[in-house]
Amino acid sequence: MSDATPKLVRVVDAWIQPWNDVVVDALPWQTLNVLRRYGQTRLMEGVSLEEMYDELDRSSVDVFLVSGGPATPASEVFKTLDARPDDTVGVVWVDPTQGITASLRELERIVAEHRVCGVKLEPFYLRRDPTDRVFYPLYAKCEELGLTLQTQVGGTGPLFPSSTGRPLHIDDVALDFPDLSIVCGHVGSPWAEEMIHVAWKHENVYIDTSARLPRHFEPGFSKFLRSYGQDKCIFGTDWPLLDFDSTLAQVDTLELEPTVRTKFLAGNAIRAFGLGRFGFEAVRDDS
């Protein structure tokens, strides 16, 4: 991709992850509950990287943010970034509970070697909420490196306690790190109104809709998306939990104004994750 020629995009998916047999083998048993509750037991066998790339090619999504995590080895994320340099950017995971200094050095190395825009935090896996002191050096390093923090909020599908996902934890983090862009995944249910308040309050806090079909959006969130929160909401699927095009088709039912739709599907993600540095620029969906 030439730095002088922006790549115009209509849709950014803010949360996908590899789901091959390497990932499935690393999953804790508690995570399998999500697959059962979503009726996605087929995913217990995994989806090869080749099948994944085929689905990406067939979708209407232009840019994919590919996530690592406690159960998603970074090697599988890097394979995808290397295979698809024109339409993928990484959101990586490092574990400060295994040594704060070592995790910060690892993050610096990853950023130097790979195309990365953010750090993923799924706090329930560590049974620590986002205000835990072990995460604060990581947040400071993200600010220093210009990385976005993407974190799970709301109740957990995996069989872990949900209390780490209370959006009010993000309120405290945003107060302490006002220059850190924070994207909160999965809307925040059953505390969606709490999440809306935190995103409205802080310039640096956003909400992504990964793992939530538009037909299941809470009325308060749909109102937020259409009106006073139109600059704060970001599209995502959490593929392979949700597929791309059927999720996008449901966006049509929201009856968004064209400018709001462009922000939701691309513009807000490009701003929140700093994707302009990789040459991406939003274009109106109907242009």
Protein backbone atom coordinates (compact mmCIF):
# COMPACT_ATOMS: atom_id res chain seq x y z
CA MET A 1 0.00 0.00 0.00
CA SER A 2 1.49 3.38 -0.97
CA ASP A 3 1.71 5.97 1.80
CA ALA A 4 0.81 8.63 -0.78
CA THR A 5 -2.42 6.94 -1.85
CA PRO A 6 -4.97 6.39 0.92
CA LYS A 7 -6.93 3.17 0.83
CA LEU A 8 -10.60 4.16 0.93
CA VAL A 9 -12.67 1.83 3.09
CA ARG A 10 -16.37 1.48 3.77
CA VAL A 11 -16.27 -1.14 6.53
CA VAL A 12 -13.79 -1.88 9.32
CA ASP A 13 -14.42 -4.91 11.52
CA ALA A 14 -12.90 -4.02 14.88
CA TRP A 15 -12.76 -7.52 16.39
CA ILE A 16 -11.97 -10.79 14.68
CA GLN A 17 -9.57 -13.55 15.66
CA PRO A 18 -7.98 -16.64 14.17
CA TRP A 19 -9.86 -19.77 15.23
CA ASN A 20 -7.79 -22.64 13.91
CA ASP A 21 -6.94 -25.83 15.76
CA VAL A 22 -4.00 -24.12 17.49
CA VAL A 23 -6.41 -21.61 19.05
CA VAL A 24 -9.05 -24.22 19.89
CA ASP A 25 -6.46 -26.40 21.62
CA ALA A 26 -5.44 -23.43 23.77
CA LEU A 27 -8.98 -22.53 24.85
CA PRO A 28 -9.80 -23.02 28.53
CA TRP A 29 -12.81 -25.27 28.99
CA GLN A 30 -14.82 -22.33 30.35
CA THR A 31 -14.74 -20.62 26.95
CA LEU A 32 -16.59 -23.46 25.26
CA ASN A 33 -19.73 -22.22 27.00
CA VAL A 34 -19.81 -19.26 24.59
CA LEU A 35 -19.89 -21.57 21.60
CA ARG A 36 -22.75 -23.59 23.05
CA ARG A 37 -24.79 -20.50 23.99
CA TYR A 38 -24.35 -19.03 20.49
CA GLY A 39 -25.17 -22.37 18.85
CA GLN A 40 -21.67 -22.46 17.35
CA THR A 41 -20.56 -25.92 18.40
CA ARG A 42 -18.98 -26.37 14.94
CA LEU A 43 -16.28 -23.97 16.10
CA MET A 44 -15.08 -26.50 18.65
CA GLU A 45 -13.21 -28.13 15.77
CA GLY A 46 -11.62 -24.90 14.57
CA VAL A 47 -11.48 -23.02 11.27
CA SER A 48 -8.24 -23.28 9.31
CA LEU A 49 -6.40 -20.09 8.38
CA GLU A 50 -7.08 -20.87 4.71
CA GLU A 51 -10.83 -21.11 5.41
CA MET A 52 -10.63 -17.92 7.40
CA TYR A 53 -8.92 -16.06 4.56
CA ASP A 54 -11.58 -17.33 2.16
CA GLU A 55 -14.32 -15.93 4.38
CA LEU A 56 -12.49 -12.59 4.63
CA ASP A 57 -12.24 -12.47 0.83
CA ARG A 58 -15.95 -13.16 0.37
CA SER A 59 -17.09 -10.60 2.92
CA SER A 60 -18.02 -6.95 2.40
CA VAL A 61 -15.49 -5.85 5.04
CA ASP A 62 -12.47 -3.84 3.84
CA VAL A 63 -10.24 -3.86 6.93
CA PHE A 64 -10.01 -6.43 9.73
CA LEU A 65 -8.52 -5.85 13.18
CA VAL A 66 -7.12 -9.27 14.08
CA SER A 67 -6.93 -9.95 17.80
CA GLY A 68 -4.68 -11.97 20.00
CA GLY A 69 -5.68 -12.91 23.52
CA PRO A 70 -5.00 -15.17 26.47
CA ALA A 71 -6.22 -18.13 24.41
CA THR A 72 -5.14 -16.86 20.97
CA PRO A 73 -1.40 -17.34 20.41
CA ALA A 74 0.28 -14.28 18.94
CA SER A 75 1.88 -16.48 16.29
CA GLU A 76 -1.51 -17.07 14.66
CA VAL A 77 -2.23 -13.33 14.56
CA PHE A 78 1.17 -12.64 13.00
CA LYS A 79 0.61 -15.30 10.35
CA THR A 80 -2.57 -13.51 9.31
CA LEU A 81 -0.92 -10.08 9.29
CA ASP A 82 1.91 -11.42 7.12
CA ALA A 83 -0.48 -13.17 4.74
CA ARG A 84 -2.77 -10.15 4.31
CA PRO A 85 -0.75 -6.94 4.51
CA ASP A 86 -3.36 -4.84 2.69
CA ASP A 87 -6.43 -5.44 4.85
CA THR A 88 -5.37 -6.56 8.35
CA VAL A 89 -3.94 -4.79 11.40
CA GLY A 90 -3.15 -6.47 14.71
CA VAL A 91 -4.51 -6.00 18.22
CA VAL A 92 -2.16 -7.98 20.44
CA TRP A 93 -2.11 -9.39 23.93
CA VAL A 94 0.72 -9.34 26.44
CA ASP A 95 0.38 -10.60 30.01
CA PRO A 96 1.76 -8.25 32.69
CA THR A 97 0.84 -10.74 35.41
CA GLN A 98 3.76 -12.84 34.19
CA GLY A 99 6.18 -9.96 34.72
CA ILE A 100 5.47 -6.30 34.10
CA THR A 101 8.86 -5.29 32.73
CA ALA A 102 9.10 -8.33 30.48
CA SER A 103 5.60 -7.71 29.08
CA LEU A 104 6.43 -4.09 28.22
CA ARG A 105 9.61 -5.16 26.43
CA GLU A 106 7.63 -7.79 24.55
CA LEU A 107 5.10 -5.18 23.46
CA GLU A 108 7.86 -2.87 22.22
CA ARG A 109 9.34 -5.73 20.21
CA ILE A 110 5.97 -6.63 18.70
CA VAL A 111 5.27 -3.05 17.64
CA ALA A 112 8.71 -2.80 16.05
CA GLU A 113 8.24 -6.00 14.05
CA HIS A 114 4.53 -6.13 13.19
CA ARG A 115 1.63 -3.98 11.96
CA VAL A 116 -0.16 -3.32 15.25
CA CYS A 117 -2.66 -0.68 16.34
CA GLY A 118 -3.72 -1.83 19.81
CA VAL A 119 -3.56 -4.08 22.83
CA LYS A 120 -6.37 -6.43 23.81
CA LEU A 121 -7.46 -6.91 27.42
CA GLU A 122 -9.95 -9.57 28.46
CA PRO A 123 -9.74 -9.06 32.21
CA PHE A 124 -11.99 -11.91 33.26
CA TYR A 125 -9.38 -14.45 32.13
CA LEU A 126 -7.03 -13.03 34.76
CA ARG A 127 -9.79 -12.48 37.35
CA ARG A 128 -8.64 -8.87 37.73
CA ASP A 129 -10.62 -5.79 36.83
CA PRO A 130 -9.11 -3.13 34.52
CA THR A 131 -8.20 -0.87 37.48
CA ASP A 132 -5.81 -3.48 38.90
CA ARG A 133 -2.38 -1.94 39.40
CA VAL A 134 -0.72 -4.66 37.31
CA PHE A 135 -2.29 -3.17 34.15
CA TYR A 136 -1.31 0.46 34.72
CA PRO A 137 2.25 0.24 33.35
CA LEU A 138 0.75 -1.41 30.25
CA TYR A 139 -1.67 1.48 29.78
CA ALA A 140 1.19 3.96 30.13
CA LYS A 141 3.20 2.06 27.51
CA CYS A 142 0.20 2.08 25.15
CA GLU A 143 0.01 5.86 25.52
CA GLU A 144 3.73 6.13 24.81
CA LEU A 145 3.55 3.93 21.71
CA GLY A 146 0.30 5.40 20.40
CA LEU A 147 -1.61 2.15 20.81
CA THR A 148 -5.31 1.78 21.56
CA LEU A 149 -6.57 -0.31 24.46
CA GLN A 150 -9.40 -2.63 23.40
CA THR A 151 -11.08 -4.33 26.33
CA GLN A 152 -14.04 -6.59 26.99
CA VAL A 153 -16.90 -5.03 28.95
CA GLY A 154 -20.17 -6.49 30.16
CA GLY A 155 -21.12 -9.96 31.25
CA THR A 156 -18.92 -12.87 30.25
CA GLY A 157 -20.00 -15.65 27.92
CA PRO A 158 -17.18 -17.87 29.17
CA LEU A 159 -17.77 -19.33 32.61
CA PHE A 160 -15.78 -16.69 34.47
CA PRO A 161 -17.10 -14.03 36.89
CA SER A 162 -18.62 -11.04 35.08
CA SER A 163 -17.74 -8.38 37.65
CA THR A 164 -14.46 -7.50 35.92
CA GLY A 165 -16.53 -6.24 32.97
CA ARG A 166 -18.37 -3.44 34.77
CA PRO A 167 -18.02 -0.32 32.60
CA LEU A 168 -17.44 1.86 35.67
CA HIS A 169 -13.97 0.30 35.89
CA ILE A 170 -13.28 1.99 32.54
CA ASP A 171 -14.40 5.30 34.03
CA ASP A 172 -11.49 5.09 36.48
CA VAL A 173 -8.99 4.06 33.78
CA ALA A 174 -10.08 6.91 31.50
CA LEU A 175 -9.66 9.41 34.32
CA ASP A 176 -6.13 8.20 34.97
CA PHE A 177 -5.18 7.93 31.26
CA PRO A 178 -7.02 10.71 29.38
CA ASP A 179 -4.69 10.37 26.38
CA LEU A 180 -5.27 6.62 26.00
CA SER A 181 -7.83 5.67 23.36
CA ILE A 182 -10.05 2.97 24.90
CA VAL A 183 -12.43 0.82 22.86
CA CYS A 184 -14.87 -1.24 24.92
CA GLY A 185 -16.08 -4.42 23.24
CA HIS A 186 -19.50 -6.07 23.21
CA VAL A 187 -21.60 -2.98 24.19
CA GLY A 188 -21.48 -3.74 27.92
CA SER A 189 -24.68 -5.67 28.51
CA PRO A 190 -26.18 -6.05 31.08
CA TRP A 191 -24.70 -2.65 31.96
CA ALA A 192 -25.23 -0.98 28.58
CA GLU A 193 -26.55 2.26 30.08
CA GLU A 194 -23.52 2.41 32.34
CA MET A 195 -21.27 1.91 29.31
CA ILE A 196 -23.10 4.62 27.37
CA HIS A 197 -22.55 7.06 30.23
CA VAL A 198 -18.83 6.32 30.43
CA ALA A 199 -18.39 6.70 26.65
CA TRP A 200 -20.38 9.95 26.65
CA LYS A 201 -18.36 11.31 29.57
CA HIS A 202 -14.87 10.65 28.19
CA GLU A 203 -13.52 11.89 24.85
CA ASN A 204 -11.17 8.90 24.68
CA VAL A 205 -13.72 6.08 25.27
CA TYR A 206 -15.57 4.23 22.49
CA ILE A 207 -17.94 1.24 22.31
CA ASP A 208 -17.64 -1.55 19.77
CA THR A 209 -20.51 -3.89 18.94
CA SER A 210 -18.54 -7.12 18.51
CA ALA A 211 -20.48 -10.29 19.42
CA ARG A 212 -23.77 -8.36 19.28
CA LEU A 213 -26.21 -8.56 16.40
CA PRO A 214 -27.86 -5.22 15.61
CA ARG A 215 -31.31 -6.69 16.16
CA HIS A 216 -30.32 -7.28 19.78
CA PHE A 217 -29.01 -3.77 20.48
CA GLU A 218 -30.65 -2.23 23.54
CA PRO A 219 -32.97 0.68 22.65
CA GLY A 220 -30.78 3.04 24.63
CA PHE A 221 -27.70 2.01 22.69
CA SER A 222 -29.48 2.33 19.33
CA LYS A 223 -30.48 5.86 20.32
CA PHE A 224 -26.90 6.62 21.39
CA LEU A 225 -25.58 5.32 18.05
CA ARG A 226 -28.05 7.38 16.01
CA SER A 227 -27.65 10.63 17.90
CA TYR A 228 -25.37 11.94 20.64
CA GLY A 229 -23.05 8.90 20.52
CA GLN A 230 -22.63 8.75 16.74
CA ASP A 231 -18.91 9.54 17.08
CA LYS A 232 -18.38 6.84 19.71
CA CYS A 233 -19.74 3.58 18.23
CA ILE A 234 -17.70 1.07 16.22
CA PHE A 235 -18.78 -1.95 14.19
CA GLY A 236 -17.39 -5.41 14.98
CA THR A 237 -18.41 -9.04 14.68
CA ASP A 238 -16.12 -11.08 16.95
CA TRP A 239 -15.76 -13.45 13.97
CA PRO A 240 -16.14 -16.40 13.87
CA LEU A 241 -18.73 -16.01 16.63
CA LEU A 242 -20.78 -13.87 14.23
CA ASP A 243 -20.34 -13.89 10.47
CA PHE A 244 -19.64 -10.80 8.44
CA ASP A 245 -22.38 -10.20 5.90
CA SER A 246 -25.45 -11.27 7.88
CA THR A 247 -24.30 -8.98 10.70
CA LEU A 248 -23.76 -6.15 8.23
CA ALA A 249 -27.18 -6.79 6.69
CA GLN A 250 -28.77 -6.14 10.08
CA VAL A 251 -27.10 -2.72 10.19
CA ASP A 252 -29.57 -1.75 7.43
CA THR A 253 -32.44 -2.29 9.88
CA LEU A 254 -31.03 0.45 12.12
CA GLU A 255 -31.94 3.03 9.44
CA LEU A 256 -28.88 5.17 10.13
CA GLU A 257 -28.32 8.47 8.38
CA PRO A 258 -25.55 8.11 5.77
CA THR A 259 -23.05 10.16 7.76
CA VAL A 260 -23.78 8.16 10.93
CA ARG A 261 -23.49 4.87 9.05
CA THR A 262 -20.09 5.90 7.68
CA LYS A 263 -18.87 6.76 11.17
CA PHE A 264 -20.17 3.52 12.65
CA LEU A 265 -18.83 1.22 9.94
CA ALA A 266 -15.46 2.87 9.33
CA GLY A 267 -14.75 6.43 10.43
CA ASN A 268 -14.88 5.95 14.19
CA ALA A 269 -12.67 2.86 14.07
CA ILE A 270 -10.12 4.64 11.90
CA ARG A 271 -9.97 7.48 14.43
CA ALA A 272 -10.07 5.37 17.61
CA PHE A 273 -7.40 2.91 16.46
CA GLY A 274 -5.28 5.42 14.56
CA LEU A 275 -5.65 3.49 11.32
CA GLY A 276 -4.80 6.54 9.27
CA ARG A 277 -1.13 5.77 9.93
CA PHE A 278 -1.60 2.64 7.80
CA GLY A 279 -3.14 4.59 4.95
CA PHE A 280 -6.83 3.89 5.62
CA GLU A 281 -9.48 6.54 5.08
CA ALA A 282 -13.27 6.27 5.44
CA VAL A 283 -15.49 6.74 2.43
CA ARG A 284 -19.25 7.08 2.48
CA ASP A 285 -20.99 3.72 2.10
CA ASP A 286 -23.26 5.14 -0.60
CA SER A 287 -20.60 7.07 -2.52
